[in-house]
Amino acid sequence: MTRFAERARVVVVGGGFWGCSTLYHLAALGLTDCLLIEQGELAGQTTGQAAGMIGQLRTSAVASQGATYGVELLRRFEAEVGVPSPFREVGSVKVALTPGRVDELRRQVAGGQRLGLAVSLVSPEEAARLAPGLDPRRVRAAAFVASDGYVDPRATARGLARRAETLGAKVCATGIMDGLAVGRVAAELVAGRRPFLDIRSMDPGRFGRRYAGRAALRTACEAVYRNYYALRGGRV
């Protein structure tokens, strides 16, 4: 991990999953004159708090294709990235409890099948067998995707960043973005200097709204904290 890069063609702002993934894919494509800046530890903000569930049934084809690519990358993670895969391909059950959700789920299943995803509708009883604790009496429709699963978000992001570094990209985990200017980003690093760049990728996670405001931009979403509770013997 580097402390400072005098020049970089691409600066990636944010060391969460999306930032580390962007850095890795750029480096894997041969664009190694890249610098990722993160003000703290890699994957230390929203990525570290993510549940890590990967579901390929989405409301749009683009989102489904992106999730499917993610599963494919995680399957070859150890061979391609060089660290053990943090992915557990355990499958997932998606349920609909209302008539409106039934129609939506059927559309998602049909869309996934058109993209080649191995997904099928299953009975409420089969859904309860696959997901013990699920109450089949409440389920109006259910779908099963065998290739879904969950991942360790921190290990994934950090593995991608380490591989990007071995390919020649640079990571600075003591960098704070100072501001935005038209056509470029100014990033204040530990040495107080700024990297010159031609391209930038903004992946600041929960700080996205703050940085967008500096550029007179408005974002459509904002990160919030959630509470997770583990229940014993509960039924969904």
Protein backbone atom coordinates (compact mmCIF):
# COMPACT_ATOMS: atom_id res chain seq x y z
CA MET A 1 0.00 0.00 0.00
CA THR A 2 1.46 3.35 -1.04
CA ARG A 3 1.32 6.66 0.79
CA PHE A 4 1.39 8.97 -2.19
CA ALA A 5 1.39 9.00 -5.99
CA GLU A 6 2.58 12.16 -7.70
CA ARG A 7 0.56 11.50 -10.83
CA ALA A 8 -2.23 9.14 -11.78
CA ARG A 9 -4.33 8.90 -14.89
CA VAL A 10 -7.28 7.49 -12.94
CA VAL A 11 -8.16 8.30 -9.34
CA VAL A 12 -10.75 6.13 -7.61
CA VAL A 13 -12.29 7.86 -4.59
CA GLY A 14 -13.48 5.42 -1.95
CA GLY A 15 -12.07 2.13 -0.71
CA GLY A 16 -15.27 0.16 -0.31
CA PHE A 17 -16.37 -2.73 -2.49
CA TRP A 18 -17.19 -0.62 -5.54
CA GLY A 19 -13.99 1.37 -5.35
CA CYS A 20 -11.80 -1.71 -4.92
CA SER A 21 -13.69 -3.51 -7.69
CA THR A 22 -13.24 -0.56 -10.04
CA LEU A 23 -9.51 -0.43 -9.30
CA TYR A 24 -9.12 -4.17 -9.85
CA HIS A 25 -11.00 -4.26 -13.14
CA LEU A 26 -9.10 -1.28 -14.52
CA ALA A 27 -5.78 -2.89 -13.57
CA ALA A 28 -6.87 -6.25 -14.98
CA LEU A 29 -7.62 -4.51 -18.29
CA GLY A 30 -4.09 -3.11 -18.32
CA LEU A 31 -4.82 0.40 -17.06
CA THR A 32 -2.46 0.33 -14.07
CA ASP A 33 -1.79 4.07 -13.77
CA CYS A 34 -4.55 4.20 -11.17
CA LEU A 35 -4.71 5.43 -7.60
CA LEU A 36 -7.39 4.56 -5.04
CA ILE A 37 -7.71 6.92 -2.09
CA GLU A 38 -9.51 6.05 1.12
CA GLN A 39 -9.52 8.10 4.30
CA GLY A 40 -9.49 5.05 6.58
CA GLU A 41 -9.14 1.30 6.32
CA LEU A 42 -10.31 -0.43 3.16
CA ALA A 43 -13.91 -1.67 3.43
CA GLY A 44 -14.19 0.07 6.77
CA GLN A 45 -17.47 1.93 6.22
CA THR A 46 -20.70 0.70 4.61
CA THR A 47 -19.03 -2.28 2.91
CA GLY A 48 -17.95 -3.64 6.28
CA GLN A 49 -21.55 -3.43 7.52
CA ALA A 50 -23.15 -5.04 4.46
CA ALA A 51 -24.95 -8.36 4.80
CA GLY A 52 -23.11 -9.68 1.75
CA MET A 53 -26.09 -11.45 0.19
CA ILE A 54 -25.92 -11.92 -3.58
CA GLY A 55 -29.21 -12.35 -5.40
CA GLN A 56 -29.39 -12.48 -9.18
CA LEU A 57 -33.14 -11.99 -9.54
CA ARG A 58 -33.51 -8.25 -10.12
CA THR A 59 -36.06 -5.85 -11.52
CA SER A 60 -33.90 -4.98 -14.55
CA ALA A 61 -31.83 -7.04 -16.98
CA VAL A 62 -28.77 -4.85 -16.41
CA ALA A 63 -28.88 -5.41 -12.65
CA SER A 64 -29.34 -9.17 -13.11
CA GLN A 65 -26.43 -9.36 -15.54
CA GLY A 66 -24.24 -7.43 -13.12
CA ALA A 67 -25.09 -9.78 -10.25
CA THR A 68 -24.51 -12.83 -12.46
CA TYR A 69 -21.10 -11.50 -13.46
CA GLY A 70 -20.32 -11.03 -9.77
CA VAL A 71 -21.12 -14.68 -9.06
CA GLU A 72 -18.93 -15.79 -11.97
CA LEU A 73 -16.04 -13.67 -10.69
CA LEU A 74 -16.42 -15.04 -7.16
CA ARG A 75 -16.36 -18.60 -8.46
CA ARG A 76 -12.92 -17.99 -9.99
CA PHE A 77 -11.84 -15.61 -7.22
CA GLU A 78 -8.99 -17.72 -5.86
CA ALA A 79 -7.54 -18.45 -9.31
CA GLU A 80 -7.90 -14.87 -10.53
CA VAL A 81 -7.30 -12.82 -7.39
CA GLY A 82 -4.98 -15.15 -5.50
CA VAL A 83 -6.80 -15.42 -2.17
CA PRO A 84 -9.42 -17.96 -1.03
CA SER A 85 -12.90 -17.22 -2.31
CA PRO A 86 -15.12 -15.51 0.29
CA PHE A 87 -18.24 -16.72 -1.55
CA ARG A 88 -20.63 -19.39 -0.25
CA GLU A 89 -22.94 -20.61 -3.00
CA VAL A 90 -25.81 -21.87 -0.86
CA GLY A 91 -28.76 -20.82 -3.03
CA SER A 92 -31.62 -18.49 -2.16
CA VAL A 93 -35.38 -18.52 -1.89
CA LYS A 94 -37.34 -15.41 -2.81
CA VAL A 95 -40.95 -15.28 -1.67
CA ALA A 96 -44.03 -13.23 -2.46
CA LEU A 97 -46.55 -12.65 0.32
CA THR A 98 -49.02 -10.39 -1.55
CA PRO A 99 -50.75 -10.61 -4.96
CA GLY A 100 -48.73 -7.67 -6.26
CA ARG A 101 -45.48 -9.33 -5.25
CA VAL A 102 -46.56 -12.52 -7.02
CA ASP A 103 -46.77 -10.72 -10.35
CA GLU A 104 -43.43 -9.01 -9.74
CA LEU A 105 -41.73 -12.28 -8.81
CA ARG A 106 -43.06 -14.03 -11.91
CA ARG A 107 -41.73 -11.22 -14.10
CA GLN A 108 -38.33 -11.49 -12.43
CA VAL A 109 -38.23 -15.26 -12.90
CA ALA A 110 -39.16 -14.95 -16.58
CA GLY A 111 -36.52 -12.25 -17.06
CA GLY A 112 -33.87 -14.34 -15.32
CA GLN A 113 -34.68 -17.36 -17.47
CA ARG A 114 -34.33 -15.26 -20.62
CA LEU A 115 -30.83 -14.34 -19.45
CA GLY A 116 -29.95 -17.99 -18.90
CA LEU A 117 -30.22 -17.95 -15.12
CA ALA A 118 -31.17 -21.29 -13.55
CA VAL A 119 -34.22 -20.11 -11.63
CA SER A 120 -37.63 -21.69 -11.16
CA LEU A 121 -40.85 -21.19 -9.27
CA VAL A 122 -41.31 -23.66 -6.43
CA SER A 123 -44.25 -24.53 -4.20
CA PRO A 124 -44.61 -22.96 -0.75
CA GLU A 125 -43.87 -26.35 0.78
CA GLU A 126 -40.67 -26.73 -1.23
CA ALA A 127 -39.66 -23.20 -0.27
CA ALA A 128 -40.12 -24.09 3.41
CA ARG A 129 -38.02 -27.22 2.93
CA LEU A 130 -35.23 -25.19 1.34
CA ALA A 131 -35.47 -22.44 3.95
CA PRO A 132 -36.35 -23.99 7.33
CA GLY A 133 -38.28 -21.55 9.49
CA LEU A 134 -40.34 -20.21 6.61
CA ASP A 135 -44.09 -20.51 7.17
CA PRO A 136 -45.54 -21.89 3.89
CA ARG A 137 -49.06 -20.78 4.82
CA ARG A 138 -48.12 -17.15 4.19
CA VAL A 139 -46.31 -17.77 0.90
CA ARG A 140 -48.24 -17.03 -2.29
CA ALA A 141 -45.32 -17.71 -4.65
CA ALA A 142 -41.65 -18.59 -4.31
CA ALA A 143 -38.59 -18.85 -6.53
CA PHE A 144 -35.34 -20.73 -6.01
CA VAL A 145 -31.94 -19.72 -7.43
CA ALA A 146 -29.32 -22.38 -6.74
CA SER A 147 -26.35 -20.18 -7.67
CA ASP A 148 -27.13 -17.34 -5.25
CA GLY A 149 -25.26 -17.08 -1.97
CA TYR A 150 -23.47 -14.79 0.42
CA VAL A 151 -20.01 -13.31 0.59
CA ASP A 152 -17.67 -11.70 3.11
CA PRO A 153 -17.75 -8.07 1.87
CA ARG A 154 -14.54 -7.01 3.61
CA ALA A 155 -12.52 -9.97 2.33
CA THR A 156 -13.85 -9.46 -1.19
CA ALA A 157 -13.00 -5.77 -1.35
CA ARG A 158 -9.58 -6.16 0.23
CA GLY A 159 -8.73 -9.13 -1.98
CA LEU A 160 -9.57 -7.14 -5.10
CA ALA A 161 -7.48 -4.20 -3.89
CA ARG A 162 -4.46 -6.41 -3.13
CA ARG A 163 -4.66 -8.02 -6.56
CA ALA A 164 -4.91 -4.59 -8.20
CA GLU A 165 -1.73 -3.57 -6.38
CA THR A 166 0.13 -6.63 -7.64
CA LEU A 167 -0.94 -5.65 -11.15
CA GLY A 168 0.58 -2.20 -10.68
CA ALA A 169 -2.22 0.00 -9.35
CA LYS A 170 -1.73 2.04 -6.17
CA VAL A 171 -3.76 2.31 -2.98
CA CYS A 172 -3.49 5.15 -0.47
CA ALA A 173 -5.52 4.54 2.67
CA THR A 174 -4.68 7.90 4.22
CA GLY A 175 -6.20 10.09 1.52
CA ILE A 176 -8.99 12.63 1.97
CA MET A 177 -10.69 14.17 -1.03
CA ASP A 178 -10.41 17.91 -0.61
CA GLY A 179 -12.85 19.12 -3.24
CA LEU A 180 -14.17 19.04 -6.77
CA ALA A 181 -13.40 21.31 -9.67
CA VAL A 182 -14.87 21.42 -13.17
CA GLY A 183 -13.35 18.60 -15.19
CA ARG A 184 -11.09 17.27 -12.43
CA VAL A 185 -10.93 16.12 -8.83
CA ALA A 186 -8.54 17.51 -6.24
CA ALA A 187 -7.49 14.99 -3.62
CA GLU A 188 -5.55 16.09 -0.57
CA LEU A 189 -3.25 13.25 0.48
CA VAL A 190 -1.01 12.73 3.45
CA ALA A 191 1.79 14.79 1.90
CA GLY A 192 -0.55 17.69 1.22
CA ARG A 193 -0.06 17.38 -2.54
CA ARG A 194 -2.60 16.54 -5.21
CA PRO A 195 -2.45 13.87 -7.92
CA PHE A 196 -3.00 15.00 -11.49
CA LEU A 197 -5.53 12.92 -13.33
CA ASP A 198 -7.47 12.55 -16.56
CA ILE A 199 -10.30 10.33 -15.32
CA ARG A 200 -11.93 9.85 -11.95
CA SER A 201 -14.26 7.30 -10.43
CA MET A 202 -16.40 8.35 -7.50
CA ASP A 203 -17.27 5.50 -5.11
CA PRO A 204 -17.49 7.29 -1.75
CA GLY A 205 -20.29 5.18 -0.27
CA ARG A 206 -22.06 6.94 2.58
CA PHE A 207 -20.13 10.13 1.82
CA GLY A 208 -21.57 10.29 -1.72
CA ARG A 209 -24.17 12.92 -1.00
CA ARG A 210 -21.62 15.17 0.68
CA TYR A 211 -19.17 15.05 -2.21
CA ALA A 212 -21.89 15.39 -4.84
CA GLY A 213 -23.04 18.56 -3.11
CA ARG A 214 -19.58 20.06 -3.52
CA ALA A 215 -20.02 19.70 -7.27
CA ALA A 216 -23.56 21.15 -7.18
CA LEU A 217 -24.98 17.69 -7.94
CA ARG A 218 -27.85 15.88 -6.26
CA THR A 219 -27.83 12.15 -5.61
CA ALA A 220 -30.93 9.99 -5.62
CA CYS A 221 -30.03 7.98 -2.53
CA GLU A 222 -28.18 8.19 0.73
CA ALA A 223 -26.68 5.48 2.91
CA VAL A 224 -28.33 4.79 6.26
CA TYR A 225 -27.54 2.48 9.14
CA ARG A 226 -29.58 -0.65 9.74
CA ASN A 227 -29.91 -2.88 12.75
CA TYR A 228 -29.73 -6.65 12.36
CA TYR A 229 -31.21 -9.05 14.88
CA ALA A 230 -30.63 -12.80 15.08
CA LEU A 231 -33.78 -14.67 16.05
CA ARG A 232 -33.96 -18.19 17.41
CA GLY A 233 -36.89 -20.37 16.49
CA GLY A 234 -38.68 -17.60 14.63
CA ARG A 235 -40.84 -18.09 11.56
CA VAL A 236 -40.98 -15.70 8.63
